[in-house]
Amino acid sequence: MSLAASGRFIATMALVLVVEDDLDIAETLELYLRNEQFKTERAADGKKALTLFRAAQPDLVLLDIGLPELDGLEVLKAIRAESGVPVIMLTARAEEVDELIGLGLGADDYITKPYSPRKLMARVGAVLRRSQEETEHENKLLRVGRLEVDIYSVRACIDGQDLQLTPTEFKLLAHLAAAPGKAMSRSELFEAAMPESDALERAVDVHLKNLRRKMAKLNAAAMIETVRGVGYRLVEV
């Protein structure tokens, strides 16, 4: 079954921005994406990527790290300053430090070259599902103290103020909010939020650090507690 037939999100003809300076790779990615009924835009450098991002408002960005003008990490940083749109990083550098830097800036997934285009398409589908997932039969609203997590609309608020989360951050927060007070391991949180990813389980720490930073702006960072030797839990404060 193709991605186009496997989820409601594909029926909306999601727009993917491909940011890749290698013409052959970019054309191959676009070919696979269009075969799965995605619409595409393409940029070959960081500055054009940001211009297209703001103009086209894509549903997902495939972002190479090694770009002219502005590198991919700078582009990601700029995107995250104004949007929680899903971003998958593409890179030839497999070192752990690059992975954690990329995830630390808010990337939703990370894949190293060379990669199978079909595998990448599966990851695109997985990240979009996390981004646009809805409950089939009812609205599901989770409340923990000042926090409200709306699973149906994929929205999280503190005192009514939107947290502007990335899809992965939202999944982590929703999983914690579903069982307030319960200590959850990194492994459990990883499986709940990014099971298809090649990232390390320690990436959970990076995403939760970013989540806490956003919650701190509303004086709610203390809601996410670190449980020594276990992982994390969400508490009412």
C-alpha atoms as a PDB file:
ATOM      1  CA  MET A   1       0.000   0.000   0.000  1.00  0.00           C
ATOM      2  CA  SER A   2       1.325   3.435  -0.880  1.00  0.00           C
ATOM      3  CA  LEU A   3       1.551   6.259   1.613  1.00  0.00           C
ATOM      4  CA  ALA A   4      -1.187   7.993  -0.352  1.00  0.00           C
ATOM      5  CA  ALA A   5      -3.612   5.215   0.533  1.00  0.00           C
ATOM      6  CA  SER A   6      -2.493   4.729   4.104  1.00  0.00           C
ATOM      7  CA  GLY A   7      -3.525   7.923   5.891  1.00  0.00           C
ATOM      8  CA  ARG A   8      -5.906  10.853   5.877  1.00  0.00           C
ATOM      9  CA  PHE A   9      -3.014  13.311   5.939  1.00  0.00           C
ATOM     10  CA  ILE A  10      -1.943  12.257   2.424  1.00  0.00           C
ATOM     11  CA  ALA A  11      -5.408  12.985   1.041  1.00  0.00           C
ATOM     12  CA  THR A  12      -4.792  16.656   1.742  1.00  0.00           C
ATOM     13  CA  MET A  13      -1.873  16.657  -0.735  1.00  0.00           C
ATOM     14  CA  ALA A  14       0.694  17.686   1.870  1.00  0.00           C
ATOM     15  CA  LEU A  15       3.374  20.065   0.617  1.00  0.00           C
ATOM     16  CA  VAL A  16       7.011  19.064   1.252  1.00  0.00           C
ATOM     17  CA  LEU A  17       9.861  21.540   0.900  1.00  0.00           C
ATOM     18  CA  VAL A  18      13.000  19.726  -0.312  1.00  0.00           C
ATOM     19  CA  VAL A  19      16.174  21.614   0.644  1.00  0.00           C
ATOM     20  CA  GLU A  20      19.111  19.878  -1.051  1.00  0.00           C
ATOM     21  CA  ASP A  21      21.977  21.315  -3.110  1.00  0.00           C
ATOM     22  CA  ASP A  22      22.758  18.054  -4.931  1.00  0.00           C
ATOM     23  CA  LEU A  23      20.550  18.211  -8.032  1.00  0.00           C
ATOM     24  CA  ASP A  24      20.405  14.442  -8.585  1.00  0.00           C
ATOM     25  CA  ILE A  25      19.386  13.755  -4.980  1.00  0.00           C
ATOM     26  CA  ALA A  26      16.831  16.568  -4.984  1.00  0.00           C
ATOM     27  CA  GLU A  27      15.225  15.352  -8.219  1.00  0.00           C
ATOM     28  CA  THR A  28      15.075  11.777  -6.911  1.00  0.00           C
ATOM     29  CA  LEU A  29      13.424  12.910  -3.688  1.00  0.00           C
ATOM     30  CA  GLU A  30      10.861  14.947  -5.591  1.00  0.00           C
ATOM     31  CA  LEU A  31      10.128  12.010  -7.883  1.00  0.00           C
ATOM     32  CA  TYR A  32       9.404   9.704  -4.944  1.00  0.00           C
ATOM     33  CA  LEU A  33       7.380  12.343  -3.113  1.00  0.00           C
ATOM     34  CA  ARG A  34       5.210  13.124  -6.135  1.00  0.00           C
ATOM     35  CA  ASN A  35       4.708   9.415  -6.748  1.00  0.00           C
ATOM     36  CA  GLU A  36       3.198   9.310  -3.241  1.00  0.00           C
ATOM     37  CA  GLN A  37       0.888  12.229  -4.128  1.00  0.00           C
ATOM     38  CA  PHE A  38       2.819  14.908  -2.247  1.00  0.00           C
ATOM     39  CA  LYS A  39       3.267  18.372  -3.670  1.00  0.00           C
ATOM     40  CA  THR A  40       6.852  19.673  -3.584  1.00  0.00           C
ATOM     41  CA  GLU A  41       8.920  22.830  -3.612  1.00  0.00           C
ATOM     42  CA  ARG A  42      12.704  22.769  -3.924  1.00  0.00           C
ATOM     43  CA  ALA A  43      15.549  24.983  -2.711  1.00  0.00           C
ATOM     44  CA  ALA A  44      19.263  24.470  -3.334  1.00  0.00           C
ATOM     45  CA  ASP A  45      20.624  26.884  -0.704  1.00  0.00           C
ATOM     46  CA  GLY A  46      19.736  28.059   2.761  1.00  0.00           C
ATOM     47  CA  LYS A  47      18.604  31.568   1.886  1.00  0.00           C
ATOM     48  CA  LYS A  48      16.229  30.388  -0.831  1.00  0.00           C
ATOM     49  CA  ALA A  49      14.971  27.700   1.546  1.00  0.00           C
ATOM     50  CA  LEU A  50      13.836  30.297   4.085  1.00  0.00           C
ATOM     51  CA  THR A  51      12.245  32.443   1.386  1.00  0.00           C
ATOM     52  CA  LEU A  52      10.301  29.456   0.041  1.00  0.00           C
ATOM     53  CA  PHE A  53       9.417  28.271   3.529  1.00  0.00           C
ATOM     54  CA  ARG A  54       7.785  31.588   4.372  1.00  0.00           C
ATOM     55  CA  ALA A  55       6.041  31.894   1.029  1.00  0.00           C
ATOM     56  CA  ALA A  56       4.819  28.307   0.548  1.00  0.00           C
ATOM     57  CA  GLN A  57       4.149  27.339   4.195  1.00  0.00           C
ATOM     58  CA  PRO A  58       4.975  23.635   3.681  1.00  0.00           C
ATOM     59  CA  ASP A  59       3.595  20.805   5.796  1.00  0.00           C
ATOM     60  CA  LEU A  60       7.079  19.259   6.177  1.00  0.00           C
ATOM     61  CA  VAL A  61      10.686  20.184   5.370  1.00  0.00           C
ATOM     62  CA  LEU A  62      13.402  17.765   4.216  1.00  0.00           C
ATOM     63  CA  LEU A  63      16.522  19.714   5.139  1.00  0.00           C
ATOM     64  CA  ASP A  64      20.111  18.902   4.181  1.00  0.00           C
ATOM     65  CA  ILE A  65      22.761  20.140   6.608  1.00  0.00           C
ATOM     66  CA  GLY A  66      25.534  20.888   4.074  1.00  0.00           C
ATOM     67  CA  LEU A  67      24.085  23.851   2.158  1.00  0.00           C
ATOM     68  CA  PRO A  68      25.562  26.959   0.533  1.00  0.00           C
ATOM     69  CA  GLU A  69      24.669  30.474   1.759  1.00  0.00           C
ATOM     70  CA  LEU A  70      23.230  29.243   5.090  1.00  0.00           C
ATOM     71  CA  ASP A  71      23.844  25.731   6.374  1.00  0.00           C
ATOM     72  CA  GLY A  72      20.978  23.474   7.378  1.00  0.00           C
ATOM     73  CA  LEU A  73      21.385  24.038  11.112  1.00  0.00           C
ATOM     74  CA  GLU A  74      21.056  27.801  10.634  1.00  0.00           C
ATOM     75  CA  VAL A  75      17.996  27.248   8.462  1.00  0.00           C
ATOM     76  CA  LEU A  76      16.468  24.970  11.111  1.00  0.00           C
ATOM     77  CA  LYS A  77      17.170  27.527  13.809  1.00  0.00           C
ATOM     78  CA  ALA A  78      15.386  30.206  11.754  1.00  0.00           C
ATOM     79  CA  ILE A  79      12.428  27.921  11.062  1.00  0.00           C
ATOM     80  CA  ARG A  80      12.063  27.021  14.726  1.00  0.00           C
ATOM     81  CA  ALA A  81      12.074  30.703  15.676  1.00  0.00           C
ATOM     82  CA  GLU A  82       8.792  31.104  13.822  1.00  0.00           C
ATOM     83  CA  SER A  83       7.187  27.688  13.283  1.00  0.00           C
ATOM     84  CA  GLY A  84       6.710  24.168  14.647  1.00  0.00           C
ATOM     85  CA  VAL A  85       6.415  22.620  11.166  1.00  0.00           C
ATOM     86  CA  PRO A  86       7.924  19.095  11.013  1.00  0.00           C
ATOM     87  CA  VAL A  87      11.566  18.977   9.861  1.00  0.00           C
ATOM     88  CA  ILE A  88      13.606  15.908   8.897  1.00  0.00           C
ATOM     89  CA  MET A  89      17.345  16.553   8.706  1.00  0.00           C
ATOM     90  CA  LEU A  90      19.387  14.952   5.901  1.00  0.00           C
ATOM     91  CA  THR A  91      23.151  14.720   6.298  1.00  0.00           C
ATOM     92  CA  ALA A  92      26.289  12.837   5.347  1.00  0.00           C
ATOM     93  CA  ARG A  93      27.669  13.348   8.871  1.00  0.00           C
ATOM     94  CA  ALA A  94      26.731  10.534  11.207  1.00  0.00           C
ATOM     95  CA  GLU A  95      28.576  11.700  14.330  1.00  0.00           C
ATOM     96  CA  GLU A  96      26.491  11.773  17.471  1.00  0.00           C
ATOM     97  CA  VAL A  97      27.300  15.423  18.121  1.00  0.00           C
ATOM     98  CA  ASP A  98      25.748  16.452  14.804  1.00  0.00           C
ATOM     99  CA  GLU A  99      22.647  14.427  15.586  1.00  0.00           C
ATOM    100  CA  LEU A 100      22.207  15.987  18.991  1.00  0.00           C
ATOM    101  CA  ILE A 101      22.856  19.494  17.665  1.00  0.00           C
ATOM    102  CA  GLY A 102      20.221  18.985  15.017  1.00  0.00           C
ATOM    103  CA  LEU A 103      17.684  17.537  17.434  1.00  0.00           C
ATOM    104  CA  GLY A 104      18.559  20.177  19.998  1.00  0.00           C
ATOM    105  CA  LEU A 105      17.381  22.828  17.574  1.00  0.00           C
ATOM    106  CA  GLY A 106      14.083  21.033  17.195  1.00  0.00           C
ATOM    107  CA  ALA A 107      14.389  18.592  14.284  1.00  0.00           C
ATOM    108  CA  ASP A 108      11.706  15.901  14.340  1.00  0.00           C
ATOM    109  CA  ASP A 109      13.891  13.219  12.769  1.00  0.00           C
ATOM    110  CA  TYR A 110      17.358  12.728  11.366  1.00  0.00           C
ATOM    111  CA  ILE A 111      18.569  10.445   8.568  1.00  0.00           C
ATOM    112  CA  THR A 112      22.094   9.939   7.256  1.00  0.00           C
ATOM    113  CA  LYS A 113      23.271   9.441   3.677  1.00  0.00           C
ATOM    114  CA  PRO A 114      23.278   7.152   1.834  1.00  0.00           C
ATOM    115  CA  TYR A 115      19.670   6.236   2.502  1.00  0.00           C
ATOM    116  CA  SER A 116      16.941   4.367   0.692  1.00  0.00           C
ATOM    117  CA  PRO A 117      14.382   6.774  -0.783  1.00  0.00           C
ATOM    118  CA  ARG A 118      11.645   4.313   0.192  1.00  0.00           C
ATOM    119  CA  LYS A 119      12.873   4.320   3.772  1.00  0.00           C
ATOM    120  CA  LEU A 120      12.872   8.102   3.745  1.00  0.00           C
ATOM    121  CA  MET A 121       9.303   8.138   2.389  1.00  0.00           C
ATOM    122  CA  ALA A 122       8.255   5.909   5.288  1.00  0.00           C
ATOM    123  CA  ARG A 123       9.849   8.373   7.716  1.00  0.00           C
ATOM    124  CA  VAL A 124       8.092  11.286   6.004  1.00  0.00           C
ATOM    125  CA  GLY A 125       4.798   9.482   6.517  1.00  0.00           C
ATOM    126  CA  ALA A 126       5.590   8.725  10.152  1.00  0.00           C
ATOM    127  CA  VAL A 127       6.500  12.313  10.996  1.00  0.00           C
ATOM    128  CA  LEU A 128       3.406  13.667   9.239  1.00  0.00           C
ATOM    129  CA  ARG A 129       1.236  11.201  11.131  1.00  0.00           C
ATOM    130  CA  ARG A 130       2.688  12.497  14.387  1.00  0.00           C
ATOM    131  CA  SER A 131       2.028  16.040  13.188  1.00  0.00           C
ATOM    132  CA  GLN A 132      -1.536  15.610  11.976  1.00  0.00           C
ATOM    133  CA  GLU A 133      -2.844  12.640  13.950  1.00  0.00           C
ATOM    134  CA  GLU A 134      -6.476  12.882  15.044  1.00  0.00           C
ATOM    135  CA  THR A 135      -8.659  10.595  17.107  1.00  0.00           C
ATOM    136  CA  GLU A 136     -11.223   8.784  14.968  1.00  0.00           C
ATOM    137  CA  HIS A 137     -14.270   8.903  17.203  1.00  0.00           C
ATOM    138  CA  GLU A 138     -13.982  11.669  19.768  1.00  0.00           C
ATOM    139  CA  ASN A 139     -12.128  14.707  20.926  1.00  0.00           C
ATOM    140  CA  LYS A 140      -9.613  13.796  23.611  1.00  0.00           C
ATOM    141  CA  LEU A 141      -8.670  16.536  26.022  1.00  0.00           C
ATOM    142  CA  LEU A 142      -6.050  16.001  28.721  1.00  0.00           C
ATOM    143  CA  ARG A 143      -5.808  18.436  31.618  1.00  0.00           C
ATOM    144  CA  VAL A 144      -3.061  18.499  34.234  1.00  0.00           C
ATOM    145  CA  GLY A 145      -3.231  21.588  36.393  1.00  0.00           C
ATOM    146  CA  ARG A 146      -2.623  24.627  34.198  1.00  0.00           C
ATOM    147  CA  LEU A 147      -1.804  22.426  31.204  1.00  0.00           C
ATOM    148  CA  GLU A 148      -4.345  21.452  28.556  1.00  0.00           C
ATOM    149  CA  VAL A 149      -3.439  18.993  25.778  1.00  0.00           C
ATOM    150  CA  ASP A 150      -5.952  18.638  22.953  1.00  0.00           C
ATOM    151  CA  ILE A 151      -5.158  15.427  21.059  1.00  0.00           C
ATOM    152  CA  TYR A 152      -7.764  16.102  18.367  1.00  0.00           C
ATOM    153  CA  SER A 153      -6.471  19.525  17.356  1.00  0.00           C
ATOM    154  CA  VAL A 154      -2.822  18.710  18.253  1.00  0.00           C
ATOM    155  CA  ARG A 155      -2.576  21.735  20.523  1.00  0.00           C
ATOM    156  CA  ALA A 156      -1.077  22.234  23.977  1.00  0.00           C
ATOM    157  CA  CYS A 157      -1.707  25.279  26.159  1.00  0.00           C
ATOM    158  CA  ILE A 158      -0.699  26.661  29.533  1.00  0.00           C
ATOM    159  CA  ASP A 159      -3.373  28.943  30.976  1.00  0.00           C
ATOM    160  CA  GLY A 160      -4.869  29.141  27.485  1.00  0.00           C
ATOM    161  CA  GLN A 161      -1.607  30.230  25.842  1.00  0.00           C
ATOM    162  CA  ASP A 162      -0.397  28.023  22.977  1.00  0.00           C
ATOM    163  CA  LEU A 163       3.001  26.372  23.528  1.00  0.00           C
ATOM    164  CA  GLN A 164       3.799  26.161  19.759  1.00  0.00           C
ATOM    165  CA  LEU A 165       5.285  22.657  19.957  1.00  0.00           C
ATOM    166  CA  THR A 166       6.933  20.569  17.277  1.00  0.00           C
ATOM    167  CA  PRO A 167       5.165  17.262  16.510  1.00  0.00           C
ATOM    168  CA  THR A 168       7.700  15.278  18.541  1.00  0.00           C
ATOM    169  CA  GLU A 169       7.462  17.630  21.517  1.00  0.00           C
ATOM    170  CA  PHE A 170       3.671  17.366  21.387  1.00  0.00           C
ATOM    171  CA  LYS A 171       3.778  13.565  21.333  1.00  0.00           C
ATOM    172  CA  LEU A 172       6.104  13.491  24.340  1.00  0.00           C
ATOM    173  CA  LEU A 173       3.970  15.933  26.311  1.00  0.00           C
ATOM    174  CA  ALA A 174       0.735  14.122  25.426  1.00  0.00           C
ATOM    175  CA  HIS A 175       2.186  10.779  26.532  1.00  0.00           C
ATOM    176  CA  LEU A 176       3.294  12.264  29.855  1.00  0.00           C
ATOM    177  CA  ALA A 177      -0.057  14.041  30.331  1.00  0.00           C
ATOM    178  CA  ALA A 178      -1.985  10.814  29.748  1.00  0.00           C
ATOM    179  CA  ALA A 179      -0.595   9.467  33.046  1.00  0.00           C
ATOM    180  CA  PRO A 180       0.330  12.406  35.293  1.00  0.00           C
ATOM    181  CA  GLY A 181       2.631  11.495  38.138  1.00  0.00           C
ATOM    182  CA  LYS A 182       3.812   8.278  36.477  1.00  0.00           C
ATOM    183  CA  ALA A 183       7.582   7.949  36.020  1.00  0.00           C
ATOM    184  CA  MET A 184       8.342   7.016  32.416  1.00  0.00           C
ATOM    185  CA  SER A 185      11.632   5.747  31.026  1.00  0.00           C
ATOM    186  CA  ARG A 186      13.431   7.268  28.044  1.00  0.00           C
ATOM    187  CA  SER A 187      12.741   4.051  26.186  1.00  0.00           C
ATOM    188  CA  GLU A 188       8.987   4.325  26.756  1.00  0.00           C
ATOM    189  CA  LEU A 189       8.922   7.968  25.722  1.00  0.00           C
ATOM    190  CA  PHE A 190      11.053   7.272  22.651  1.00  0.00           C
ATOM    191  CA  GLU A 191       8.672   4.537  21.517  1.00  0.00           C
ATOM    192  CA  ALA A 192       5.676   6.790  22.091  1.00  0.00           C
ATOM    193  CA  ALA A 193       7.015   9.807  20.226  1.00  0.00           C
ATOM    194  CA  MET A 194       9.482   8.664  17.556  1.00  0.00           C
ATOM    195  CA  PRO A 195       9.482   4.862  17.136  1.00  0.00           C
ATOM    196  CA  GLU A 196      10.556   4.918  13.477  1.00  0.00           C
ATOM    197  CA  SER A 197      13.548   7.174  14.074  1.00  0.00           C
ATOM    198  CA  ASP A 198      17.215   6.154  13.913  1.00  0.00           C
ATOM    199  CA  ALA A 199      18.001   8.719  16.588  1.00  0.00           C
ATOM    200  CA  LEU A 200      19.374   7.698  19.971  1.00  0.00           C
ATOM    201  CA  GLU A 201      17.139   7.345  23.011  1.00  0.00           C
ATOM    202  CA  ARG A 202      19.079  10.224  24.520  1.00  0.00           C
ATOM    203  CA  ALA A 203      17.355  12.404  21.913  1.00  0.00           C
ATOM    204  CA  VAL A 204      14.378  12.317  24.279  1.00  0.00           C
ATOM    205  CA  ASP A 205      16.422  14.416  26.725  1.00  0.00           C
ATOM    206  CA  VAL A 206      17.028  17.029  24.033  1.00  0.00           C
ATOM    207  CA  HIS A 207      13.375  17.267  23.025  1.00  0.00           C
ATOM    208  CA  LEU A 208      12.263  17.523  26.656  1.00  0.00           C
ATOM    209  CA  LYS A 209      14.857  20.225  27.289  1.00  0.00           C
ATOM    210  CA  ASN A 210      13.340  22.215  24.424  1.00  0.00           C
ATOM    211  CA  LEU A 211       9.852  21.522  25.762  1.00  0.00           C
ATOM    212  CA  ARG A 212      10.807  22.730  29.222  1.00  0.00           C
ATOM    213  CA  ARG A 213      12.283  25.900  27.727  1.00  0.00           C
ATOM    214  CA  LYS A 214       8.955  26.679  26.037  1.00  0.00           C
ATOM    215  CA  MET A 215       7.024  25.904  29.217  1.00  0.00           C
ATOM    216  CA  ALA A 216       9.421  28.076  31.222  1.00  0.00           C
ATOM    217  CA  LYS A 217       8.191  31.138  29.318  1.00  0.00           C
ATOM    218  CA  LEU A 218       4.844  30.515  31.037  1.00  0.00           C
ATOM    219  CA  ASN A 219       6.400  29.595  34.401  1.00  0.00           C
ATOM    220  CA  ALA A 220       5.546  25.924  33.994  1.00  0.00           C
ATOM    221  CA  ALA A 221       8.883  24.195  33.385  1.00  0.00           C
ATOM    222  CA  ALA A 222       8.687  22.545  36.812  1.00  0.00           C
ATOM    223  CA  MET A 223       5.784  20.411  35.588  1.00  0.00           C
ATOM    224  CA  ILE A 224       8.284  18.085  33.873  1.00  0.00           C
ATOM    225  CA  GLU A 225      10.347  16.409  36.571  1.00  0.00           C
ATOM    226  CA  THR A 226      13.458  14.312  36.056  1.00  0.00           C
ATOM    227  CA  VAL A 227      13.232  10.994  37.885  1.00  0.00           C
ATOM    228  CA  ARG A 228      16.788   9.928  38.658  1.00  0.00           C
ATOM    229  CA  GLY A 229      17.671   6.530  37.244  1.00  0.00           C
ATOM    230  CA  VAL A 230      14.307   6.245  35.474  1.00  0.00           C
ATOM    231  CA  GLY A 231      13.345   9.085  33.184  1.00  0.00           C
ATOM    232  CA  TYR A 232      10.648  11.741  33.501  1.00  0.00           C
ATOM    233  CA  ARG A 233       7.165  12.430  34.836  1.00  0.00           C
ATOM    234  CA  LEU A 234       4.597  15.207  34.519  1.00  0.00           C
ATOM    235  CA  VAL A 235       3.236  16.742  37.720  1.00  0.00           C
ATOM    236  CA  GLU A 236       0.747  19.436  38.606  1.00  0.00           C
ATOM    237  CA  VAL A 237       2.339  22.575  40.058  1.00  0.00           C
END
